[in-house]
Each structure stands twice: as structure tokens, then as C-alpha cells.
Amino acid sequence: MTLTKWNAHAVRLIAGAAIGLGLTACQPASDRAANDTAEAPANLTAESNAVMADNAIAVEEEAKKSIIRPEIEPSPTPTPPAEPVERTIPFPAKGTQPDPAGLAQLDTLLADPVLALGGPITIWGHSDSAGSDAVNLTASRKRAEAVRDYLVEKGVTAERITVIALGEARPIAPNRKLDGSDDPEGRDKNRRVEIKVDLPTPAPSPPAETPAAR
């Protein structure tokens, strides 16, 4: 191919390429916008799905909080109603004063909330069967009075207390064994003072008022 023909061929190729570029540049803007619009829904759909997923998680977490309600504390357990209190105070052999173990029980009674309610207190004195009935009755009274005096010394009103001496009349254990021999353990249990603190008597309701006569 001669140089002249080669140049003419190159010119035609360059001219064709220029025409193609010109046609692309001259494409209407509406066509390009249509192509952009066709791609937009896919992106918007993906973003919308992501937002909806986040909202669903937030709603679920809020529902859990609403069900659990950690800010609400459980209601307190109701306090059981008060009941009378009973104690048994042991006494040593031939003793009319409580020993340290008996004093410890009396101190526990003094700390009981029922005692502070102001109800009546009954104290029963007991003895074992060693000695005459009169001696045992006197010993049981002295034991009961010793307990009363200790309570009064600690602040209990004396008017609340009633003392009853029973002597050997109400044993809670045998004073003697079946063979007739002495039963020291039984006698220890019978030398005692029993205490009962009752609840205060409710005040009587005031009488209903009757309509005044006209």
C-alpha cells in the first residue's frame, strides 16, 4: 500500500471514531436520567430494609424492658400477725433465783417485740416433790416472784404481771423412777417458772350513736 493510500485509510478511521464519540456525547439527558433512576430503587430498597431491621430490634428491646420492669421493686412480704409468747425458766436445786441460763432466757424475752405491746403477763412458779407441800408451794412462789422482780427491774410495769404459785402440783416429768428411786433429771425439769405474754385486749368499740329524738 502506498503512503498516500495509508494516510487516507488512517484519516477515515480517526473520523469514524470521532463521529462515535460525538454521538455518545449528544445522547439526551433524559436517557441518562432514566438509567440512573433504574439503578436507584435497588439502593433505596436496601437502605429501607436496613432501617426497618433496626426499628424492629429497637421495638423488641423496648418490649423486653416493659415486660421485665426492672425499675419496679417486688412488694415486701407481709409481716405475720403477732402471737402470745411463752418461756420456761429453769431453776437450780433448792434455788429461788434464776441461774445465768435462766437470766439469758429472760433477757431474750425482754427483747421480744410482743412484750413491748403491753399485754398481760402471767408467771407460774413450780417445784419438784422434795419436801412438804407447804415448803414446795413457798419455793414455787419465791421463784415466780424472782422472775417478776427481774422483769420490773428491766422496765416492765408491775401491774401487767400476775404471779401464781403451783408448788409440786403440775410436774412435767417424773420426780421418781418406777423402782422408787430418785429421778434427778425429772426434778430438774419440774423446778421451773413458766411465763406467758398475751396480746393486749382490743379496746371496746364505742357504742353506735342513736338519732336524737325530735
C-alpha atoms as a PDB file:
ATOM      1  CA  MET A   1       0.000   0.000   0.000  1.00  0.00           C
ATOM      2  CA  THR A   2       1.382   3.391  -0.965  1.00  0.00           C
ATOM      3  CA  LEU A   3       1.873   6.153   1.582  1.00  0.00           C
ATOM      4  CA  THR A   4      -0.948   8.170   0.128  1.00  0.00           C
ATOM      5  CA  LYS A   5      -3.432   5.304   0.458  1.00  0.00           C
ATOM      6  CA  TRP A   6      -2.254   4.586   4.051  1.00  0.00           C
ATOM      7  CA  ASN A   7      -2.814   8.148   5.116  1.00  0.00           C
ATOM      8  CA  ALA A   8      -6.281   8.175   3.588  1.00  0.00           C
ATOM      9  CA  HIS A   9      -7.199   4.976   5.462  1.00  0.00           C
ATOM     10  CA  ALA A  10      -5.968   6.369   8.800  1.00  0.00           C
ATOM     11  CA  VAL A  11      -7.962   9.537   8.270  1.00  0.00           C
ATOM     12  CA  ARG A  12     -11.164   7.517   7.738  1.00  0.00           C
ATOM     13  CA  LEU A  13     -10.566   5.513  10.971  1.00  0.00           C
ATOM     14  CA  ILE A  14      -9.965   8.638  13.025  1.00  0.00           C
ATOM     15  CA  ALA A  15     -13.050  10.312  11.546  1.00  0.00           C
ATOM     16  CA  GLY A  16     -15.240   7.298  12.384  1.00  0.00           C
ATOM     17  CA  ALA A  17     -14.031   7.264  15.976  1.00  0.00           C
ATOM     18  CA  ALA A  18     -14.716  10.959  16.349  1.00  0.00           C
ATOM     19  CA  ILE A  19     -18.238  10.560  14.995  1.00  0.00           C
ATOM     20  CA  GLY A  20     -18.924   7.744  17.505  1.00  0.00           C
ATOM     21  CA  LEU A  21     -17.761   9.854  20.431  1.00  0.00           C
ATOM     22  CA  GLY A  22     -19.845  12.739  19.236  1.00  0.00           C
ATOM     23  CA  LEU A  23     -22.985  10.613  19.139  1.00  0.00           C
ATOM     24  CA  THR A  24     -22.392   9.413  22.694  1.00  0.00           C
ATOM     25  CA  ALA A  25     -21.890  12.934  23.948  1.00  0.00           C
ATOM     26  CA  CYS A  26     -25.043  14.053  22.241  1.00  0.00           C
ATOM     27  CA  GLN A  27     -27.246  11.417  23.886  1.00  0.00           C
ATOM     28  CA  PRO A  28     -30.272  13.164  25.537  1.00  0.00           C
ATOM     29  CA  ALA A  29     -30.065  13.847  29.287  1.00  0.00           C
ATOM     30  CA  SER A  30     -33.424  12.161  29.793  1.00  0.00           C
ATOM     31  CA  ASP A  31     -31.954   8.836  28.687  1.00  0.00           C
ATOM     32  CA  ARG A  32     -29.114   9.114  31.186  1.00  0.00           C
ATOM     33  CA  ALA A  33     -31.525  10.106  33.971  1.00  0.00           C
ATOM     34  CA  ALA A  34     -33.663   7.106  33.130  1.00  0.00           C
ATOM     35  CA  ASN A  35     -30.661   4.849  33.553  1.00  0.00           C
ATOM     36  CA  ASP A  36     -29.805   6.474  36.911  1.00  0.00           C
ATOM     37  CA  THR A  37     -33.419   6.137  38.057  1.00  0.00           C
ATOM     38  CA  ALA A  38     -33.439   2.448  37.159  1.00  0.00           C
ATOM     39  CA  GLU A  39     -30.485   1.875  39.481  1.00  0.00           C
ATOM     40  CA  ALA A  40     -31.869   3.976  42.396  1.00  0.00           C
ATOM     41  CA  PRO A  41     -34.728   1.714  43.611  1.00  0.00           C
ATOM     42  CA  ALA A  42     -32.353  -1.128  44.389  1.00  0.00           C
ATOM     43  CA  ASN A  43     -30.215   1.090  46.629  1.00  0.00           C
ATOM     44  CA  LEU A  44     -33.230   2.688  48.290  1.00  0.00           C
ATOM     45  CA  THR A  45     -34.768  -0.740  48.933  1.00  0.00           C
ATOM     46  CA  ALA A  46     -31.600  -1.987  50.622  1.00  0.00           C
ATOM     47  CA  GLU A  47     -31.412   1.116  52.839  1.00  0.00           C
ATOM     48  CA  SER A  48     -35.117   0.845  53.730  1.00  0.00           C
ATOM     49  CA  ASN A  49     -34.707  -2.796  54.732  1.00  0.00           C
ATOM     50  CA  ALA A  50     -31.769  -1.891  56.972  1.00  0.00           C
ATOM     51  CA  VAL A  51     -33.771   0.874  58.696  1.00  0.00           C
ATOM     52  CA  MET A  52     -36.760  -1.450  59.211  1.00  0.00           C
ATOM     53  CA  ALA A  53     -34.479  -4.107  60.737  1.00  0.00           C
ATOM     54  CA  ASP A  54     -33.006  -1.572  63.168  1.00  0.00           C
ATOM     55  CA  ASN A  55     -36.500  -0.394  64.151  1.00  0.00           C
ATOM     56  CA  ALA A  56     -37.642  -3.978  64.745  1.00  0.00           C
ATOM     57  CA  ILE A  57     -34.675  -4.620  67.077  1.00  0.00           C
ATOM     58  CA  ALA A  58     -35.372  -1.417  68.982  1.00  0.00           C
ATOM     59  CA  VAL A  59     -39.063  -2.302  69.426  1.00  0.00           C
ATOM     60  CA  GLU A  60     -38.164  -5.811  70.641  1.00  0.00           C
ATOM     61  CA  GLU A  61     -35.708  -4.453  73.203  1.00  0.00           C
ATOM     62  CA  GLU A  62     -38.289  -1.935  74.430  1.00  0.00           C
ATOM     63  CA  ALA A  63     -40.873  -4.707  74.766  1.00  0.00           C
ATOM     64  CA  LYS A  64     -38.465  -6.761  76.872  1.00  0.00           C
ATOM     65  CA  LYS A  65     -37.873  -3.786  79.163  1.00  0.00           C
ATOM     66  CA  SER A  66     -41.601  -3.224  79.512  1.00  0.00           C
ATOM     67  CA  ILE A  67     -42.190  -6.865  80.489  1.00  0.00           C
ATOM     68  CA  ILE A  68     -39.319  -7.152  82.952  1.00  0.00           C
ATOM     69  CA  ARG A  69     -39.853  -3.692  84.515  1.00  0.00           C
ATOM     70  CA  PRO A  70     -36.571  -3.678  86.470  1.00  0.00           C
ATOM     71  CA  GLU A  71     -37.405  -0.281  87.929  1.00  0.00           C
ATOM     72  CA  ILE A  72     -40.338  -1.761  89.899  1.00  0.00           C
ATOM     73  CA  GLU A  73     -39.263  -3.388  93.186  1.00  0.00           C
ATOM     74  CA  PRO A  74     -41.112  -6.503  94.418  1.00  0.00           C
ATOM     75  CA  SER A  75     -43.690  -5.846  97.094  1.00  0.00           C
ATOM     76  CA  PRO A  76     -42.438  -6.596 100.631  1.00  0.00           C
ATOM     77  CA  THR A  77     -43.504  -9.777 102.366  1.00  0.00           C
ATOM     78  CA  PRO A  78     -46.377  -9.037 104.751  1.00  0.00           C
ATOM     79  CA  THR A  79     -45.482  -9.209 108.447  1.00  0.00           C
ATOM     80  CA  PRO A  80     -47.117 -12.198 110.160  1.00  0.00           C
ATOM     81  CA  PRO A  81     -49.587 -11.329 112.942  1.00  0.00           C
ATOM     82  CA  ALA A  82     -48.250 -11.220 116.500  1.00  0.00           C
ATOM     83  CA  GLU A  83     -48.879 -14.223 118.740  1.00  0.00           C
ATOM     84  CA  PRO A  84     -48.552 -14.796 122.515  1.00  0.00           C
ATOM     85  CA  VAL A  85     -45.042 -15.647 123.712  1.00  0.00           C
ATOM     86  CA  GLU A  86     -44.221 -18.429 126.223  1.00  0.00           C
ATOM     87  CA  ARG A  87     -40.942 -19.126 128.048  1.00  0.00           C
ATOM     88  CA  THR A  88     -39.825 -21.732 130.598  1.00  0.00           C
ATOM     89  CA  ILE A  89     -37.110 -20.607 133.025  1.00  0.00           C
ATOM     90  CA  PRO A  90     -35.158 -23.439 134.773  1.00  0.00           C
ATOM     91  CA  PHE A  91     -34.053 -23.154 138.416  1.00  0.00           C
ATOM     92  CA  PRO A  92     -31.212 -24.890 140.250  1.00  0.00           C
ATOM     93  CA  ALA A  93     -31.844 -27.356 143.106  1.00  0.00           C
ATOM     94  CA  LYS A  94     -33.112 -25.578 146.240  1.00  0.00           C
ATOM     95  CA  GLY A  95     -32.652 -22.284 144.415  1.00  0.00           C
ATOM     96  CA  THR A  96     -35.129 -19.424 144.370  1.00  0.00           C
ATOM     97  CA  GLN A  97     -33.162 -17.200 141.962  1.00  0.00           C
ATOM     98  CA  PRO A  98     -32.638 -17.867 138.233  1.00  0.00           C
ATOM     99  CA  ASP A  99     -29.166 -19.008 137.212  1.00  0.00           C
ATOM    100  CA  PRO A 100     -27.239 -17.486 134.244  1.00  0.00           C
ATOM    101  CA  ALA A 101     -29.085 -19.715 131.767  1.00  0.00           C
ATOM    102  CA  GLY A 102     -32.429 -18.538 133.154  1.00  0.00           C
ATOM    103  CA  LEU A 103     -31.357 -14.886 133.085  1.00  0.00           C
ATOM    104  CA  ALA A 104     -30.326 -15.273 129.435  1.00  0.00           C
ATOM    105  CA  GLN A 105     -33.815 -16.517 128.584  1.00  0.00           C
ATOM    106  CA  LEU A 106     -35.381 -13.602 130.456  1.00  0.00           C
ATOM    107  CA  ASP A 107     -33.219 -11.155 128.507  1.00  0.00           C
ATOM    108  CA  THR A 108     -34.396 -12.783 125.276  1.00  0.00           C
ATOM    109  CA  LEU A 109     -37.982 -12.332 126.409  1.00  0.00           C
ATOM    110  CA  LEU A 110     -37.367  -8.669 127.209  1.00  0.00           C
ATOM    111  CA  ALA A 111     -36.142  -8.136 123.631  1.00  0.00           C
ATOM    112  CA  ASP A 112     -39.218  -9.795 122.101  1.00  0.00           C
ATOM    113  CA  PRO A 113     -41.439  -7.246 120.278  1.00  0.00           C
ATOM    114  CA  VAL A 114     -44.590  -8.874 121.674  1.00  0.00           C
ATOM    115  CA  LEU A 115     -43.564  -7.855 125.207  1.00  0.00           C
ATOM    116  CA  ALA A 116     -43.435  -4.226 124.101  1.00  0.00           C
ATOM    117  CA  LEU A 117     -47.090  -4.369 123.006  1.00  0.00           C
ATOM    118  CA  GLY A 118     -48.180  -4.041 126.628  1.00  0.00           C
ATOM    119  CA  GLY A 119     -50.259  -7.203 127.009  1.00  0.00           C
ATOM    120  CA  PRO A 120     -50.792  -9.024 130.332  1.00  0.00           C
ATOM    121  CA  ILE A 121     -48.073 -11.321 131.679  1.00  0.00           C
ATOM    122  CA  THR A 122     -48.738 -14.469 133.737  1.00  0.00           C
ATOM    123  CA  ILE A 123     -45.978 -16.168 135.737  1.00  0.00           C
ATOM    124  CA  TRP A 124     -46.449 -19.680 137.169  1.00  0.00           C
ATOM    125  CA  GLY A 125     -43.988 -20.995 139.775  1.00  0.00           C
ATOM    126  CA  HIS A 126     -43.333 -24.755 140.082  1.00  0.00           C
ATOM    127  CA  SER A 127     -41.251 -27.045 142.283  1.00  0.00           C
ATOM    128  CA  ASP A 128     -40.242 -30.688 142.467  1.00  0.00           C
ATOM    129  CA  SER A 129     -41.664 -33.044 145.098  1.00  0.00           C
ATOM    130  CA  ALA A 130     -38.742 -32.948 147.532  1.00  0.00           C
ATOM    131  CA  GLY A 131     -40.202 -31.565 150.771  1.00  0.00           C
ATOM    132  CA  SER A 132     -43.672 -30.912 152.121  1.00  0.00           C
ATOM    133  CA  ASP A 133     -46.447 -29.395 150.069  1.00  0.00           C
ATOM    134  CA  ALA A 134     -46.252 -26.151 152.041  1.00  0.00           C
ATOM    135  CA  VAL A 135     -42.484 -25.841 151.541  1.00  0.00           C
ATOM    136  CA  ASN A 136     -42.759 -26.572 147.842  1.00  0.00           C
ATOM    137  CA  LEU A 137     -45.585 -24.067 147.430  1.00  0.00           C
ATOM    138  CA  THR A 138     -43.493 -21.376 149.112  1.00  0.00           C
ATOM    139  CA  ALA A 139     -40.470 -22.224 146.962  1.00  0.00           C
ATOM    140  CA  SER A 140     -42.507 -22.027 143.772  1.00  0.00           C
ATOM    141  CA  ARG A 141     -43.889 -18.613 144.774  1.00  0.00           C
ATOM    142  CA  LYS A 142     -40.431 -17.251 145.521  1.00  0.00           C
ATOM    143  CA  ARG A 143     -39.227 -18.385 142.106  1.00  0.00           C
ATOM    144  CA  ALA A 144     -42.146 -16.730 140.346  1.00  0.00           C
ATOM    145  CA  GLU A 145     -41.644 -13.516 142.316  1.00  0.00           C
ATOM    146  CA  ALA A 146     -37.928 -13.511 141.492  1.00  0.00           C
ATOM    147  CA  VAL A 147     -38.782 -13.583 137.779  1.00  0.00           C
ATOM    148  CA  ARG A 148     -41.378 -10.840 138.249  1.00  0.00           C
ATOM    149  CA  ASP A 149     -38.897  -8.623 140.093  1.00  0.00           C
ATOM    150  CA  TYR A 150     -36.300  -9.072 137.332  1.00  0.00           C
ATOM    151  CA  LEU A 151     -38.792  -8.019 134.650  1.00  0.00           C
ATOM    152  CA  VAL A 152     -39.899  -5.000 136.689  1.00  0.00           C
ATOM    153  CA  GLU A 153     -36.264  -4.029 137.259  1.00  0.00           C
ATOM    154  CA  LYS A 154     -35.828  -4.026 133.463  1.00  0.00           C
ATOM    155  CA  GLY A 155     -38.768  -1.676 132.935  1.00  0.00           C
ATOM    156  CA  VAL A 156     -41.869  -3.894 132.716  1.00  0.00           C
ATOM    157  CA  THR A 157     -44.878  -2.421 134.520  1.00  0.00           C
ATOM    158  CA  ALA A 158     -45.722  -4.453 137.632  1.00  0.00           C
ATOM    159  CA  GLU A 159     -49.466  -4.015 137.036  1.00  0.00           C
ATOM    160  CA  ARG A 160     -49.173  -6.178 133.918  1.00  0.00           C
ATOM    161  CA  ILE A 161     -47.872  -9.186 135.861  1.00  0.00           C
ATOM    162  CA  THR A 162     -49.847 -11.886 137.671  1.00  0.00           C
ATOM    163  CA  VAL A 163     -47.966 -14.400 139.864  1.00  0.00           C
ATOM    164  CA  ILE A 164     -49.416 -17.874 140.536  1.00  0.00           C
ATOM    165  CA  ALA A 165     -47.682 -20.454 142.797  1.00  0.00           C
ATOM    166  CA  LEU A 166     -48.450 -24.109 141.983  1.00  0.00           C
ATOM    167  CA  GLY A 167     -45.849 -25.940 144.077  1.00  0.00           C
ATOM    168  CA  GLU A 168     -45.430 -29.573 143.010  1.00  0.00           C
ATOM    169  CA  ALA A 169     -48.995 -29.880 141.707  1.00  0.00           C
ATOM    170  CA  ARG A 170     -48.163 -29.754 137.976  1.00  0.00           C
ATOM    171  CA  PRO A 171     -44.953 -31.700 137.222  1.00  0.00           C
ATOM    172  CA  ILE A 172     -43.856 -32.104 133.619  1.00  0.00           C
ATOM    173  CA  ALA A 173     -41.526 -35.049 134.369  1.00  0.00           C
ATOM    174  CA  PRO A 174     -41.446 -37.881 136.944  1.00  0.00           C
ATOM    175  CA  ASN A 175     -39.855 -36.987 140.298  1.00  0.00           C
ATOM    176  CA  ARG A 176     -39.113 -40.660 140.901  1.00  0.00           C
ATOM    177  CA  LYS A 177     -38.344 -43.643 138.717  1.00  0.00           C
ATOM    178  CA  LEU A 178     -40.568 -46.726 138.552  1.00  0.00           C
ATOM    179  CA  ASP A 179     -38.316 -48.577 141.027  1.00  0.00           C
ATOM    180  CA  GLY A 180     -38.940 -45.834 143.626  1.00  0.00           C
ATOM    181  CA  SER A 181     -35.518 -44.246 143.363  1.00  0.00           C
ATOM    182  CA  ASP A 182     -34.993 -40.526 142.893  1.00  0.00           C
ATOM    183  CA  ASP A 183     -35.067 -39.104 139.339  1.00  0.00           C
ATOM    184  CA  PRO A 184     -32.707 -36.073 139.323  1.00  0.00           C
ATOM    185  CA  GLU A 185     -33.372 -35.201 135.678  1.00  0.00           C
ATOM    186  CA  GLY A 186     -37.120 -35.183 136.261  1.00  0.00           C
ATOM    187  CA  ARG A 187     -36.765 -32.978 139.336  1.00  0.00           C
ATOM    188  CA  ASP A 188     -34.599 -30.510 137.369  1.00  0.00           C
ATOM    189  CA  LYS A 189     -37.347 -30.153 134.783  1.00  0.00           C
ATOM    190  CA  ASN A 190     -40.029 -29.622 137.439  1.00  0.00           C
ATOM    191  CA  ARG A 191     -38.141 -26.775 139.148  1.00  0.00           C
ATOM    192  CA  ARG A 192     -39.184 -24.081 136.766  1.00  0.00           C
ATOM    193  CA  VAL A 193     -41.099 -20.873 136.126  1.00  0.00           C
ATOM    194  CA  GLU A 194     -43.406 -20.614 133.149  1.00  0.00           C
ATOM    195  CA  ILE A 195     -44.142 -17.232 131.587  1.00  0.00           C
ATOM    196  CA  LYS A 196     -46.805 -16.285 129.089  1.00  0.00           C
ATOM    197  CA  VAL A 197     -47.094 -12.857 127.468  1.00  0.00           C
ATOM    198  CA  ASP A 198     -50.539 -12.367 125.938  1.00  0.00           C
ATOM    199  CA  LEU A 199     -51.531  -9.835 123.325  1.00  0.00           C
ATOM    200  CA  PRO A 200     -53.219  -6.644 124.509  1.00  0.00           C
ATOM    201  CA  THR A 201     -57.001  -6.827 124.778  1.00  0.00           C
ATOM    202  CA  PRO A 202     -58.558  -4.795 121.955  1.00  0.00           C
ATOM    203  CA  ALA A 203     -60.310  -1.672 123.139  1.00  0.00           C
ATOM    204  CA  PRO A 204     -64.111  -1.987 123.003  1.00  0.00           C
ATOM    205  CA  SER A 205     -65.784  -0.262 120.100  1.00  0.00           C
ATOM    206  CA  PRO A 206     -67.688   2.876 121.047  1.00  0.00           C
ATOM    207  CA  PRO A 207     -71.482   2.416 121.084  1.00  0.00           C
ATOM    208  CA  ALA A 208     -73.291   3.478 117.969  1.00  0.00           C
ATOM    209  CA  GLU A 209     -74.934   6.830 118.288  1.00  0.00           C
ATOM    210  CA  THR A 210     -78.706   6.783 118.130  1.00  0.00           C
ATOM    211  CA  PRO A 211     -80.543   9.565 116.337  1.00  0.00           C
ATOM    212  CA  ALA A 212     -81.634  12.271 118.726  1.00  0.00           C
ATOM    213  CA  ALA A 213     -85.327  12.241 119.487  1.00  0.00           C
ATOM    214  CA  ARG A 214     -87.289  15.058 117.944  1.00  0.00           C
END
